[in-house]
Amino acid sequence: MTILIAFHQSGYRDFKTYYTKFVCQYWRHYFPDLVSYTRMLKLLQTTLPALCSYLKQRFDKPTGIAFIDSTSLKVCHNMRIPHHQVFAGEAKRGKGTMGWFYGFKLHLIMNDEGGLLAESDRW
């Protein structure tokens, strides 16, 4: 889960390059039991519930001011959709400001102090 979060904060465009060229070369001492890229793709399937659970624990109280934004979490390039199997059945096609993508759309509501807010019917 840590590697996945760090990937989304990095400037890398695809996970394979990030994992093979950065994590395996520079972070091996932090993760001594690193697995192959293919095995990591299988393990990524199990991180989504844990990531959602972590985010639920980070919710904060409303302060009166809220900001909402969304971002796309791309699973693969559009050309690879027919052959993609990692999130088969869960990922969907969507449209963002940068065009069409295959993956998930993440919507976040934050208070003015940067804390995540729970979903509400008011939003």
PDB file of N, CA and C in Angstrom:
ATOM      1  N   MET A   1       0.833  -1.185   0.000  1.00  0.00           N
ATOM      2  CA  MET A   1       0.000   0.000   0.000  1.00  0.00           C
ATOM      3  C   MET A   1       0.882   1.254   0.000  1.00  0.00           C
ATOM      4  N   THR A   2       1.995   1.218   0.716  1.00  0.00           N
ATOM      5  CA  THR A   2       2.903   2.357   0.755  1.00  0.00           C
ATOM      6  C   THR A   2       3.487   2.645  -0.621  1.00  0.00           C
ATOM      7  N   ILE A   3       3.869   1.603  -1.336  1.00  0.00           N
ATOM      8  CA  ILE A   3       4.432   1.770  -2.679  1.00  0.00           C
ATOM      9  C   ILE A   3       3.384   2.351  -3.616  1.00  0.00           C
ATOM     10  N   LEU A   4       2.154   1.905  -3.499  1.00  0.00           N
ATOM     11  CA  LEU A   4       1.083   2.405  -4.364  1.00  0.00           C
ATOM     12  C   LEU A   4       0.794   3.881  -4.093  1.00  0.00           C
ATOM     13  N   ILE A   5       0.742   4.274  -2.830  1.00  0.00           N
ATOM     14  CA  ILE A   5       0.505   5.684  -2.485  1.00  0.00           C
ATOM     15  C   ILE A   5       1.663   6.548  -2.983  1.00  0.00           C
ATOM     16  N   ALA A   6       2.895   6.063  -2.792  1.00  0.00           N
ATOM     17  CA  ALA A   6       4.068   6.821  -3.241  1.00  0.00           C
ATOM     18  C   ALA A   6       4.080   6.958  -4.761  1.00  0.00           C
ATOM     19  N   PHE A   7       3.607   5.940  -5.474  1.00  0.00           N
ATOM     20  CA  PHE A   7       3.537   6.035  -6.934  1.00  0.00           C
ATOM     21  C   PHE A   7       2.624   7.175  -7.364  1.00  0.00           C
ATOM     22  N   HIS A   8       1.472   7.306  -6.725  1.00  0.00           N
ATOM     23  CA  HIS A   8       0.536   8.359  -7.114  1.00  0.00           C
ATOM     24  C   HIS A   8       1.044   9.747  -6.743  1.00  0.00           C
ATOM     25  N   GLN A   9       1.992   9.829  -5.819  1.00  0.00           N
ATOM     26  CA  GLN A   9       2.574  11.118  -5.477  1.00  0.00           C
ATOM     27  C   GLN A   9       3.835  11.410  -6.288  1.00  0.00           C
ATOM     28  N   SER A  10       4.331  10.409  -7.000  1.00  0.00           N
ATOM     29  CA  SER A  10       5.539  10.591  -7.806  1.00  0.00           C
ATOM     30  C   SER A  10       5.181  11.192  -9.157  1.00  0.00           C
ATOM     31  N   GLY A  11       6.168  11.490  -9.930  1.00  0.00           N
ATOM     32  CA  GLY A  11       5.936  12.037 -11.258  1.00  0.00           C
ATOM     33  C   GLY A  11       5.903  10.983 -12.348  1.00  0.00           C
ATOM     34  N   TYR A  12       5.977   9.713 -11.972  1.00  0.00           N
ATOM     35  CA  TYR A  12       5.995   8.644 -12.963  1.00  0.00           C
ATOM     36  C   TYR A  12       4.625   8.491 -13.617  1.00  0.00           C
ATOM     37  N   ARG A  13       4.623   8.159 -14.909  1.00  0.00           N
ATOM     38  CA  ARG A  13       3.380   8.030 -15.654  1.00  0.00           C
ATOM     39  C   ARG A  13       2.798   6.625 -15.584  1.00  0.00           C
ATOM     40  N   ASP A  14       3.641   5.611 -15.403  1.00  0.00           N
ATOM     41  CA  ASP A  14       3.114   4.249 -15.325  1.00  0.00           C
ATOM     42  C   ASP A  14       3.786   3.498 -14.176  1.00  0.00           C
ATOM     43  N   PHE A  15       3.034   2.574 -13.622  1.00  0.00           N
ATOM     44  CA  PHE A  15       3.486   1.869 -12.426  1.00  0.00           C
ATOM     45  C   PHE A  15       4.664   0.945 -12.718  1.00  0.00           C
ATOM     46  N   LYS A  16       4.708   0.344 -13.895  1.00  0.00           N
ATOM     47  CA  LYS A  16       5.790  -0.591 -14.209  1.00  0.00           C
ATOM     48  C   LYS A  16       7.151   0.104 -14.167  1.00  0.00           C
ATOM     49  N   THR A  17       7.256   1.261 -14.786  1.00  0.00           N
ATOM     50  CA  THR A  17       8.512   2.006 -14.764  1.00  0.00           C
ATOM     51  C   THR A  17       8.858   2.420 -13.349  1.00  0.00           C
ATOM     52  N   TYR A  18       7.877   2.899 -12.622  1.00  0.00           N
ATOM     53  CA  TYR A  18       8.104   3.319 -11.234  1.00  0.00           C
ATOM     54  C   TYR A  18       8.626   2.157 -10.392  1.00  0.00           C
ATOM     55  N   TYR A  19       7.984   1.004 -10.514  1.00  0.00           N
ATOM     56  CA  TYR A  19       8.365  -0.137  -9.677  1.00  0.00           C
ATOM     57  C   TYR A  19       9.730  -0.695 -10.076  1.00  0.00           C
ATOM     58  N   THR A  20       9.948  -0.913 -11.372  1.00  0.00           N
ATOM     59  CA  THR A  20      11.190  -1.555 -11.801  1.00  0.00           C
ATOM     60  C   THR A  20      12.389  -0.614 -11.777  1.00  0.00           C
ATOM     61  N   LYS A  21      12.198   0.642 -12.137  1.00  0.00           N
ATOM     62  CA  LYS A  21      13.328   1.575 -12.234  1.00  0.00           C
ATOM     63  C   LYS A  21      13.584   2.377 -10.960  1.00  0.00           C
ATOM     64  N   PHE A  22      12.563   2.528 -10.124  1.00  0.00           N
ATOM     65  CA  PHE A  22      12.768   3.335  -8.922  1.00  0.00           C
ATOM     66  C   PHE A  22      12.735   2.493  -7.648  1.00  0.00           C
ATOM     67  N   VAL A  23      11.625   1.820  -7.402  1.00  0.00           N
ATOM     68  CA  VAL A  23      11.466   1.073  -6.151  1.00  0.00           C
ATOM     69  C   VAL A  23      12.505  -0.045  -6.045  1.00  0.00           C
ATOM     70  N   CYS A  24      12.628  -0.852  -7.088  1.00  0.00           N
ATOM     71  CA  CYS A  24      13.562  -1.992  -7.035  1.00  0.00           C
ATOM     72  C   CYS A  24      15.019  -1.553  -6.957  1.00  0.00           C
ATOM     73  N   GLN A  25      15.334  -0.365  -7.465  1.00  0.00           N
ATOM     74  CA  GLN A  25      16.723   0.091  -7.440  1.00  0.00           C
ATOM     75  C   GLN A  25      17.064   0.910  -6.200  1.00  0.00           C
ATOM     76  N   TYR A  26      16.173   1.815  -5.803  1.00  0.00           N
ATOM     77  CA  TYR A  26      16.513   2.749  -4.742  1.00  0.00           C
ATOM     78  C   TYR A  26      15.850   2.460  -3.400  1.00  0.00           C
ATOM     79  N   TRP A  27      14.773   1.692  -3.371  1.00  0.00           N
ATOM     80  CA  TRP A  27      14.070   1.432  -2.120  1.00  0.00           C
ATOM     81  C   TRP A  27      14.210  -0.006  -1.628  1.00  0.00           C
ATOM     82  N   ARG A  28      15.095  -0.774  -2.233  1.00  0.00           N
ATOM     83  CA  ARG A  28      15.246  -2.183  -1.843  1.00  0.00           C
ATOM     84  C   ARG A  28      15.621  -2.315  -0.365  1.00  0.00           C
ATOM     85  N   HIS A  29      16.396  -1.382   0.171  1.00  0.00           N
ATOM     86  CA  HIS A  29      16.771  -1.461   1.584  1.00  0.00           C
ATOM     87  C   HIS A  29      15.582  -1.173   2.512  1.00  0.00           C
ATOM     88  N   TYR A  30      14.563  -0.441   2.020  1.00  0.00           N
ATOM     89  CA  TYR A  30      13.353  -0.223   2.808  1.00  0.00           C
ATOM     90  C   TYR A  30      12.412  -1.423   2.731  1.00  0.00           C
ATOM     91  N   PHE A  31      12.428  -2.107   1.597  1.00  0.00           N
ATOM     92  CA  PHE A  31      11.569  -3.270   1.359  1.00  0.00           C
ATOM     93  C   PHE A  31      12.455  -4.453   0.967  1.00  0.00           C
ATOM     94  N   PRO A  32      13.062  -5.133   1.931  1.00  0.00           N
ATOM     95  CA  PRO A  32      14.007  -6.210   1.592  1.00  0.00           C
ATOM     96  C   PRO A  32      13.356  -7.423   0.916  1.00  0.00           C
ATOM     97  N   ASP A  33      12.060  -7.618   1.064  1.00  0.00           N
ATOM     98  CA  ASP A  33      11.383  -8.772   0.471  1.00  0.00           C
ATOM     99  C   ASP A  33      10.571  -8.381  -0.764  1.00  0.00           C
ATOM    100  N   LEU A  34      11.117  -7.510  -1.596  1.00  0.00           N
ATOM    101  CA  LEU A  34      10.401  -7.080  -2.797  1.00  0.00           C
ATOM    102  C   LEU A  34      10.152  -8.268  -3.719  1.00  0.00           C
ATOM    103  N   VAL A  35       8.983  -8.262  -4.324  1.00  0.00           N
ATOM    104  CA  VAL A  35       8.599  -9.328  -5.248  1.00  0.00           C
ATOM    105  C   VAL A  35       8.758  -8.833  -6.683  1.00  0.00           C
ATOM    106  N   SER A  36       8.607  -9.723  -7.628  1.00  0.00           N
ATOM    107  CA  SER A  36       8.704  -9.333  -9.034  1.00  0.00           C
ATOM    108  C   SER A  36       7.542  -8.414  -9.401  1.00  0.00           C
ATOM    109  N   TYR A  37       7.678  -7.749 -10.531  1.00  0.00           N
ATOM    110  CA  TYR A  37       6.630  -6.839 -10.982  1.00  0.00           C
ATOM    111  C   TYR A  37       5.320  -7.582 -11.221  1.00  0.00           C
ATOM    112  N   THR A  38       5.393  -8.761 -11.823  1.00  0.00           N
ATOM    113  CA  THR A  38       4.191  -9.550 -12.086  1.00  0.00           C
ATOM    114  C   THR A  38       3.485  -9.926 -10.789  1.00  0.00           C
ATOM    115  N   ARG A  39       4.243 -10.342  -9.790  1.00  0.00           N
ATOM    116  CA  ARG A  39       3.650 -10.691  -8.492  1.00  0.00           C
ATOM    117  C   ARG A  39       3.078  -9.446  -7.813  1.00  0.00           C
ATOM    118  N   MET A  40       3.744  -8.312  -7.979  1.00  0.00           N
ATOM    119  CA  MET A  40       3.238  -7.072  -7.377  1.00  0.00           C
ATOM    120  C   MET A  40       1.884  -6.707  -7.964  1.00  0.00           C
ATOM    121  N   LEU A  41       1.683  -6.936  -9.265  1.00  0.00           N
ATOM    122  CA  LEU A  41       0.380  -6.649  -9.872  1.00  0.00           C
ATOM    123  C   LEU A  41      -0.718  -7.487  -9.231  1.00  0.00           C
ATOM    124  N   LYS A  42      -0.419  -8.732  -8.913  1.00  0.00           N
ATOM    125  CA  LYS A  42      -1.407  -9.587  -8.232  1.00  0.00           C
ATOM    126  C   LYS A  42      -1.676  -9.087  -6.816  1.00  0.00           C
ATOM    127  N   LEU A  43      -0.640  -8.639  -6.134  1.00  0.00           N
ATOM    128  CA  LEU A  43      -0.809  -8.144  -4.765  1.00  0.00           C
ATOM    129  C   LEU A  43      -1.573  -6.822  -4.722  1.00  0.00           C
ATOM    130  N   LEU A  44      -1.496  -6.031  -5.789  1.00  0.00           N
ATOM    131  CA  LEU A  44      -2.217  -4.753  -5.822  1.00  0.00           C
ATOM    132  C   LEU A  44      -3.726  -4.945  -5.730  1.00  0.00           C
ATOM    133  N   GLN A  45      -4.208  -6.087  -6.175  1.00  0.00           N
ATOM    134  CA  GLN A  45      -5.643  -6.349  -6.104  1.00  0.00           C
ATOM    135  C   GLN A  45      -6.140  -6.363  -4.659  1.00  0.00           C
ATOM    136  N   THR A  46      -5.295  -6.718  -3.732  1.00  0.00           N
ATOM    137  CA  THR A  46      -5.704  -6.803  -2.332  1.00  0.00           C
ATOM    138  C   THR A  46      -5.561  -5.480  -1.586  1.00  0.00           C
ATOM    139  N   THR A  47      -4.943  -4.471  -2.213  1.00  0.00           N
ATOM    140  CA  THR A  47      -4.707  -3.217  -1.493  1.00  0.00           C
ATOM    141  C   THR A  47      -5.903  -2.276  -1.477  1.00  0.00           C
ATOM    142  N   LEU A  48      -6.821  -2.414  -2.423  1.00  0.00           N
ATOM    143  CA  LEU A  48      -7.948  -1.478  -2.492  1.00  0.00           C
ATOM    144  C   LEU A  48      -8.804  -1.481  -1.221  1.00  0.00           C
ATOM    145  N   PRO A  49      -9.217  -2.629  -0.687  1.00  0.00           N
ATOM    146  CA  PRO A  49      -9.993  -2.592   0.563  1.00  0.00           C
ATOM    147  C   PRO A  49      -9.202  -1.990   1.734  1.00  0.00           C
ATOM    148  N   ALA A  50      -7.907  -2.302   1.809  1.00  0.00           N
ATOM    149  CA  ALA A  50      -7.088  -1.757   2.892  1.00  0.00           C
ATOM    150  C   ALA A  50      -6.934  -0.245   2.746  1.00  0.00           C
ATOM    151  N   LEU A  51      -6.782   0.226   1.527  1.00  0.00           N
ATOM    152  CA  LEU A  51      -6.656   1.665   1.286  1.00  0.00           C
ATOM    153  C   LEU A  51      -7.941   2.400   1.639  1.00  0.00           C
ATOM    154  N   CYS A  52      -9.076   1.816   1.282  1.00  0.00           N
ATOM    155  CA  CYS A  52     -10.368   2.419   1.642  1.00  0.00           C
ATOM    156  C   CYS A  52     -10.561   2.448   3.151  1.00  0.00           C
ATOM    157  N   SER A  53     -10.167   1.388   3.815  1.00  0.00           N
ATOM    158  CA  SER A  53     -10.270   1.332   5.275  1.00  0.00           C
ATOM    159  C   SER A  53      -9.379   2.394   5.926  1.00  0.00           C
ATOM    160  N   TYR A  54      -8.184   2.563   5.404  1.00  0.00           N
ATOM    161  CA  TYR A  54      -7.269   3.580   5.925  1.00  0.00           C
ATOM    162  C   TYR A  54      -7.874   4.976   5.767  1.00  0.00           C
ATOM    163  N   LEU A  55      -8.429   5.255   4.587  1.00  0.00           N
ATOM    164  CA  LEU A  55      -9.022   6.568   4.365  1.00  0.00           C
ATOM    165  C   LEU A  55     -10.208   6.819   5.290  1.00  0.00           C
ATOM    166  N   LYS A  56     -11.002   5.776   5.570  1.00  0.00           N
ATOM    167  CA  LYS A  56     -12.139   5.931   6.501  1.00  0.00           C
ATOM    168  C   LYS A  56     -11.654   6.334   7.893  1.00  0.00           C
ATOM    169  N   GLN A  57     -10.496   5.846   8.308  1.00  0.00           N
ATOM    170  CA  GLN A  57      -9.946   6.177   9.621  1.00  0.00           C
ATOM    171  C   GLN A  57      -9.421   7.608   9.685  1.00  0.00           C
ATOM    172  N   ARG A  58      -9.148   8.208   8.545  1.00  0.00           N
ATOM    173  CA  ARG A  58      -8.576   9.547   8.486  1.00  0.00           C
ATOM    174  C   ARG A  58      -9.617  10.655   8.385  1.00  0.00           C
ATOM    175  N   PHE A  59     -10.912  10.318   8.481  1.00  0.00           N
ATOM    176  CA  PHE A  59     -11.950  11.333   8.363  1.00  0.00           C
ATOM    177  C   PHE A  59     -11.886  12.317   9.522  1.00  0.00           C
ATOM    178  N   ASP A  60     -12.254  13.568   9.233  1.00  0.00           N
ATOM    179  CA  ASP A  60     -12.210  14.650  10.207  1.00  0.00           C
ATOM    180  C   ASP A  60     -13.606  15.245  10.353  1.00  0.00           C
ATOM    181  N   LYS A  61     -13.762  16.182  11.252  1.00  0.00           N
ATOM    182  CA  LYS A  61     -15.053  16.823  11.482  1.00  0.00           C
ATOM    183  C   LYS A  61     -15.228  18.026  10.559  1.00  0.00           C
ATOM    184  N   PRO A  62     -16.462  18.302  10.107  1.00  0.00           N
ATOM    185  CA  PRO A  62     -16.702  19.483   9.268  1.00  0.00           C
ATOM    186  C   PRO A  62     -16.452  20.775  10.042  1.00  0.00           C
ATOM    187  N   THR A  63     -15.906  21.770   9.365  1.00  0.00           N
ATOM    188  CA  THR A  63     -15.642  23.064   9.993  1.00  0.00           C
ATOM    189  C   THR A  63     -16.523  24.165   9.418  1.00  0.00           C
ATOM    190  N   GLY A  64     -17.370  23.839   8.463  1.00  0.00           N
ATOM    191  CA  GLY A  64     -18.236  24.826   7.848  1.00  0.00           C
ATOM    192  C   GLY A  64     -17.840  25.150   6.422  1.00  0.00           C
ATOM    193  N   ILE A  65     -16.584  24.950   6.085  1.00  0.00           N
ATOM    194  CA  ILE A  65     -16.107  25.178   4.724  1.00  0.00           C
ATOM    195  C   ILE A  65     -15.621  23.843   4.180  1.00  0.00           C
ATOM    196  N   ALA A  66     -16.054  23.494   2.971  1.00  0.00           N
ATOM    197  CA  ALA A  66     -15.648  22.219   2.381  1.00  0.00           C
ATOM    198  C   ALA A  66     -15.253  22.416   0.927  1.00  0.00           C
ATOM    199  N   PHE A  67     -14.299  21.628   0.502  1.00  0.00           N
ATOM    200  CA  PHE A  67     -13.837  21.625  -0.876  1.00  0.00           C
ATOM    201  C   PHE A  67     -14.003  20.215  -1.423  1.00  0.00           C
ATOM    202  N   ILE A  68     -14.431  20.104  -2.673  1.00  0.00           N
ATOM    203  CA  ILE A  68     -14.588  18.804  -3.303  1.00  0.00           C
ATOM    204  C   ILE A  68     -13.784  18.792  -4.597  1.00  0.00           C
ATOM    205  N   ASP A  69     -13.158  17.663  -4.857  1.00  0.00           N
ATOM    206  CA  ASP A  69     -12.394  17.510  -6.085  1.00  0.00           C
ATOM    207  C   ASP A  69     -12.390  16.039  -6.457  1.00  0.00           C
ATOM    208  N   SER A  70     -12.069  15.760  -7.691  1.00  0.00           N
ATOM    209  CA  SER A  70     -11.987  14.375  -8.133  1.00  0.00           C
ATOM    210  C   SER A  70     -10.730  14.200  -8.962  1.00  0.00           C
ATOM    211  N   THR A  71     -10.252  12.986  -8.996  1.00  0.00           N
ATOM    212  CA  THR A  71      -9.099  12.638  -9.804  1.00  0.00           C
ATOM    213  C   THR A  71      -9.285  11.227 -10.335  1.00  0.00           C
ATOM    214  N   SER A  72      -8.679  10.960 -11.450  1.00  0.00           N
ATOM    215  CA  SER A  72      -8.782   9.619 -12.016  1.00  0.00           C
ATOM    216  C   SER A  72      -7.610   8.777 -11.539  1.00  0.00           C
ATOM    217  N   LEU A  73      -7.890   7.537 -11.202  1.00  0.00           N
ATOM    218  CA  LEU A  73      -6.862   6.560 -10.844  1.00  0.00           C
ATOM    219  C   LEU A  73      -6.802   5.562 -11.992  1.00  0.00           C
ATOM    220  N   LYS A  74      -5.899   5.809 -12.919  1.00  0.00           N
ATOM    221  CA  LYS A  74      -5.810   4.994 -14.125  1.00  0.00           C
ATOM    222  C   LYS A  74      -5.182   3.650 -13.794  1.00  0.00           C
ATOM    223  N   VAL A  75      -5.798   2.606 -14.299  1.00  0.00           N
ATOM    224  CA  VAL A  75      -5.297   1.250 -14.082  1.00  0.00           C
ATOM    225  C   VAL A  75      -4.349   0.849 -15.201  1.00  0.00           C
ATOM    226  N   CYS A  76      -4.675   1.210 -16.425  1.00  0.00           N
ATOM    227  CA  CYS A  76      -3.820   0.883 -17.561  1.00  0.00           C
ATOM    228  C   CYS A  76      -4.103   1.856 -18.697  1.00  0.00           C
ATOM    229  N   HIS A  77      -3.274   1.794 -19.708  1.00  0.00           N
ATOM    230  CA  HIS A  77      -3.462   2.609 -20.898  1.00  0.00           C
ATOM    231  C   HIS A  77      -4.688   2.118 -21.659  1.00  0.00           C
ATOM    232  N   ASN A  78      -5.374   3.024 -22.346  1.00  0.00           N
ATOM    233  CA  ASN A  78      -6.602   2.665 -23.064  1.00  0.00           C
ATOM    234  C   ASN A  78      -6.400   1.547 -24.083  1.00  0.00           C
ATOM    235  N   MET A  79      -5.219   1.458 -24.694  1.00  0.00           N
ATOM    236  CA  MET A  79      -4.951   0.418 -25.691  1.00  0.00           C
ATOM    237  C   MET A  79      -4.898  -0.975 -25.054  1.00  0.00           C
ATOM    238  N   ARG A  80      -4.633  -1.060 -23.747  1.00  0.00           N
ATOM    239  CA  ARG A  80      -4.483  -2.349 -23.081  1.00  0.00           C
ATOM    240  C   ARG A  80      -5.759  -2.836 -22.401  1.00  0.00           C
ATOM    241  N   ILE A  81      -6.831  -2.120 -22.490  1.00  0.00           N
ATOM    242  CA  ILE A  81      -8.069  -2.468 -21.791  1.00  0.00           C
ATOM    243  C   ILE A  81      -8.540  -3.891 -22.099  1.00  0.00           C
ATOM    244  N   PRO A  82      -8.566  -4.340 -23.352  1.00  0.00           N
ATOM    245  CA  PRO A  82      -9.058  -5.701 -23.611  1.00  0.00           C
ATOM    246  C   PRO A  82      -8.207  -6.806 -22.982  1.00  0.00           C
ATOM    247  N   HIS A  83      -6.919  -6.524 -22.747  1.00  0.00           N
ATOM    248  CA  HIS A  83      -6.019  -7.538 -22.202  1.00  0.00           C
ATOM    249  C   HIS A  83      -5.769  -7.371 -20.713  1.00  0.00           C
ATOM    250  N   HIS A  84      -6.291  -6.320 -20.119  1.00  0.00           N
ATOM    251  CA  HIS A  84      -6.020  -6.013 -18.717  1.00  0.00           C
ATOM    252  C   HIS A  84      -6.835  -6.931 -17.799  1.00  0.00           C
ATOM    253  N   GLN A  85      -6.192  -7.495 -16.755  1.00  0.00           N
ATOM    254  CA  GLN A  85      -6.876  -8.443 -15.886  1.00  0.00           C
ATOM    255  C   GLN A  85      -6.777  -8.114 -14.399  1.00  0.00           C
ATOM    256  N   VAL A  86      -5.971  -7.131 -14.023  1.00  0.00           N
ATOM    257  CA  VAL A  86      -5.734  -6.880 -12.600  1.00  0.00           C
ATOM    258  C   VAL A  86      -7.009  -6.471 -11.866  1.00  0.00           C
ATOM    259  N   PHE A  87      -7.732  -5.493 -12.355  1.00  0.00           N
ATOM    260  CA  PHE A  87      -8.968  -5.058 -11.717  1.00  0.00           C
ATOM    261  C   PHE A  87     -10.172  -5.378 -12.594  1.00  0.00           C
ATOM    262  N   ALA A  88     -10.121  -6.504 -13.298  1.00  0.00           N
ATOM    263  CA  ALA A  88     -11.214  -6.895 -14.191  1.00  0.00           C
ATOM    264  C   ALA A  88     -12.510  -7.013 -13.397  1.00  0.00           C
ATOM    265  N   GLY A  89     -13.564  -6.404 -13.885  1.00  0.00           N
ATOM    266  CA  GLY A  89     -14.851  -6.438 -13.213  1.00  0.00           C
ATOM    267  C   GLY A  89     -15.064  -5.297 -12.235  1.00  0.00           C
ATOM    268  N   GLU A  90     -13.998  -4.618 -11.827  1.00  0.00           N
ATOM    269  CA  GLU A  90     -14.132  -3.508 -10.875  1.00  0.00           C
ATOM    270  C   GLU A  90     -13.814  -2.168 -11.527  1.00  0.00           C
ATOM    271  N   ALA A  91     -12.775  -2.113 -12.348  1.00  0.00           N
ATOM    272  CA  ALA A  91     -12.414  -0.874 -13.032  1.00  0.00           C
ATOM    273  C   ALA A  91     -13.398  -0.626 -14.169  1.00  0.00           C
ATOM    274  N   LYS A  92     -13.616   0.632 -14.468  1.00  0.00           N
ATOM    275  CA  LYS A  92     -14.563   1.019 -15.512  1.00  0.00           C
ATOM    276  C   LYS A  92     -13.936   2.117 -16.372  1.00  0.00           C
ATOM    277  N   ARG A  93     -14.525   2.332 -17.534  1.00  0.00           N
ATOM    278  CA  ARG A  93     -14.129   3.464 -18.362  1.00  0.00           C
ATOM    279  C   ARG A  93     -14.748   4.729 -17.779  1.00  0.00           C
ATOM    280  N   GLY A  94     -14.012   5.802 -17.841  1.00  0.00           N
ATOM    281  CA  GLY A  94     -14.519   7.069 -17.342  1.00  0.00           C
ATOM    282  C   GLY A  94     -13.912   8.213 -18.120  1.00  0.00           C
ATOM    283  N   LYS A  95     -14.410   9.408 -17.875  1.00  0.00           N
ATOM    284  CA  LYS A  95     -13.901  10.585 -18.568  1.00  0.00           C
ATOM    285  C   LYS A  95     -13.502  11.627 -17.541  1.00  0.00           C
ATOM    286  N   GLY A  96     -12.307  12.131 -17.683  1.00  0.00           N
ATOM    287  CA  GLY A  96     -11.807  13.185 -16.819  1.00  0.00           C
ATOM    288  C   GLY A  96     -11.425  14.391 -17.655  1.00  0.00           C
ATOM    289  N   THR A  97     -10.757  15.352 -17.053  1.00  0.00           N
ATOM    290  CA  THR A  97     -10.358  16.552 -17.774  1.00  0.00           C
ATOM    291  C   THR A  97      -9.311  16.263 -18.839  1.00  0.00           C
ATOM    292  N   MET A  98      -8.578  15.170 -18.694  1.00  0.00           N
ATOM    293  CA  MET A  98      -7.536  14.809 -19.657  1.00  0.00           C
ATOM    294  C   MET A  98      -8.027  13.785 -20.675  1.00  0.00           C
ATOM    295  N   GLY A  99      -9.314  13.513 -20.707  1.00  0.00           N
ATOM    296  CA  GLY A  99      -9.855  12.572 -21.682  1.00  0.00           C
ATOM    297  C   GLY A  99     -10.318  11.271 -21.032  1.00  0.00           C
ATOM    298  N   TRP A 100     -10.520  10.261 -21.865  1.00  0.00           N
ATOM    299  CA  TRP A 100     -11.028   8.977 -21.395  1.00  0.00           C
ATOM    300  C   TRP A 100      -9.927   8.177 -20.715  1.00  0.00           C
ATOM    301  N   PHE A 101     -10.309   7.377 -19.720  1.00  0.00           N
ATOM    302  CA  PHE A 101      -9.361   6.532 -19.009  1.00  0.00           C
ATOM    303  C   PHE A 101     -10.066   5.259 -18.577  1.00  0.00           C
ATOM    304  N   TYR A 102      -9.283   4.286 -18.148  1.00  0.00           N
ATOM    305  CA  TYR A 102      -9.806   3.029 -17.614  1.00  0.00           C
ATOM    306  C   TYR A 102      -9.269   2.893 -16.205  1.00  0.00           C
ATOM    307  N   GLY A 103     -10.169   2.832 -15.232  1.00  0.00           N
ATOM    308  CA  GLY A 103      -9.744   2.733 -13.844  1.00  0.00           C
ATOM    309  C   GLY A 103     -10.849   3.168 -12.906  1.00  0.00           C
ATOM    310  N   PHE A 104     -10.496   4.022 -11.968  1.00  0.00           N
ATOM    311  CA  PHE A 104     -11.416   4.477 -10.939  1.00  0.00           C
ATOM    312  C   PHE A 104     -11.411   6.000 -10.904  1.00  0.00           C
ATOM    313  N   LYS A 105     -12.494   6.578 -10.432  1.00  0.00           N
ATOM    314  CA  LYS A 105     -12.555   8.023 -10.223  1.00  0.00           C
ATOM    315  C   LYS A 105     -12.705   8.248  -8.727  1.00  0.00           C
ATOM    316  N   LEU A 106     -11.778   8.962  -8.161  1.00  0.00           N
ATOM    317  CA  LEU A 106     -11.746   9.217  -6.727  1.00  0.00           C
ATOM    318  C   LEU A 106     -12.283  10.616  -6.456  1.00  0.00           C
ATOM    319  N   HIS A 107     -13.320  10.708  -5.623  1.00  0.00           N
ATOM    320  CA  HIS A 107     -13.888  11.991  -5.216  1.00  0.00           C
ATOM    321  C   HIS A 107     -13.547  12.204  -3.742  1.00  0.00           C
ATOM    322  N   LEU A 108     -12.991  13.350  -3.420  1.00  0.00           N
ATOM    323  CA  LEU A 108     -12.647  13.674  -2.042  1.00  0.00           C
ATOM    324  C   LEU A 108     -13.304  14.983  -1.634  1.00  0.00           C
ATOM    325  N   ILE A 109     -13.803  15.003  -0.412  1.00  0.00           N
ATOM    326  CA  ILE A 109     -14.337  16.222   0.184  1.00  0.00           C
ATOM    327  C   ILE A 109     -13.464  16.522   1.395  1.00  0.00           C
ATOM    328  N   MET A 110     -12.914  17.737   1.415  1.00  0.00           N
ATOM    329  CA  MET A 110     -12.000  18.119   2.495  1.00  0.00           C
ATOM    330  C   MET A 110     -12.507  19.379   3.178  1.00  0.00           C
ATOM    331  N   ASN A 111     -12.194  19.508   4.472  1.00  0.00           N
ATOM    332  CA  ASN A 111     -12.511  20.757   5.161  1.00  0.00           C
ATOM    333  C   ASN A 111     -11.391  21.764   4.915  1.00  0.00           C
ATOM    334  N   ASP A 112     -11.540  22.981   5.415  1.00  0.00           N
ATOM    335  CA  ASP A 112     -10.556  24.023   5.156  1.00  0.00           C
ATOM    336  C   ASP A 112      -9.233  23.793   5.869  1.00  0.00           C
ATOM    337  N   GLU A 113      -9.163  22.805   6.758  1.00  0.00           N
ATOM    338  CA  GLU A 113      -7.922  22.469   7.449  1.00  0.00           C
ATOM    339  C   GLU A 113      -7.201  21.294   6.794  1.00  0.00           C
ATOM    340  N   GLY A 114      -7.749  20.770   5.691  1.00  0.00           N
ATOM    341  CA  GLY A 114      -7.118  19.666   4.974  1.00  0.00           C
ATOM    342  C   GLY A 114      -7.554  18.292   5.432  1.00  0.00           C
ATOM    343  N   GLY A 115      -8.527  18.211   6.332  1.00  0.00           N
ATOM    344  CA  GLY A 115      -9.017  16.924   6.808  1.00  0.00           C
ATOM    345  C   GLY A 115     -10.072  16.353   5.886  1.00  0.00           C
ATOM    346  N   LEU A 116     -10.068  15.049   5.699  1.00  0.00           N
ATOM    347  CA  LEU A 116     -11.079  14.392   4.874  1.00  0.00           C
ATOM    348  C   LEU A 116     -12.415  14.376   5.595  1.00  0.00           C
ATOM    349  N   LEU A 117     -13.502  14.576   4.857  1.00  0.00           N
ATOM    350  CA  LEU A 117     -14.839  14.555   5.423  1.00  0.00           C
ATOM    351  C   LEU A 117     -15.574  13.309   4.944  1.00  0.00           C
ATOM    352  N   ALA A 118     -16.454  12.795   5.763  1.00  0.00           N
ATOM    353  CA  ALA A 118     -17.253  11.635   5.389  1.00  0.00           C
ATOM    354  C   ALA A 118     -18.249  12.009   4.306  1.00  0.00           C
ATOM    355  N   GLU A 119     -18.671  11.023   3.524  1.00  0.00           N
ATOM    356  CA  GLU A 119     -19.690  11.272   2.515  1.00  0.00           C
ATOM    357  C   GLU A 119     -21.011  11.567   3.216  1.00  0.00           C
ATOM    358  N   SER A 120     -21.727  12.467   2.625  1.00  0.00           N
ATOM    359  CA  SER A 120     -22.987  12.867   3.230  1.00  0.00           C
ATOM    360  C   SER A 120     -24.014  13.137   2.141  1.00  0.00           C
ATOM    361  N   ASP A 121     -25.287  13.021   2.490  1.00  0.00           N
ATOM    362  CA  ASP A 121     -26.353  13.330   1.541  1.00  0.00           C
ATOM    363  C   ASP A 121     -26.355  14.809   1.176  1.00  0.00           C
ATOM    364  N   ARG A 122     -25.772  15.630   2.020  1.00  0.00           N
ATOM    365  CA  ARG A 122     -25.737  17.067   1.750  1.00  0.00           C
ATOM    366  C   ARG A 122     -24.842  17.385   0.574  1.00  0.00           C
ATOM    367  N   TRP A 123     -23.876  16.552   0.289  1.00  0.00           N
ATOM    368  CA  TRP A 123     -22.893  16.859  -0.755  1.00  0.00           C
ATOM    369  C   TRP A 123     -23.467  16.466  -2.081  1.00  0.00           C
TER     370      TRP A 123
END
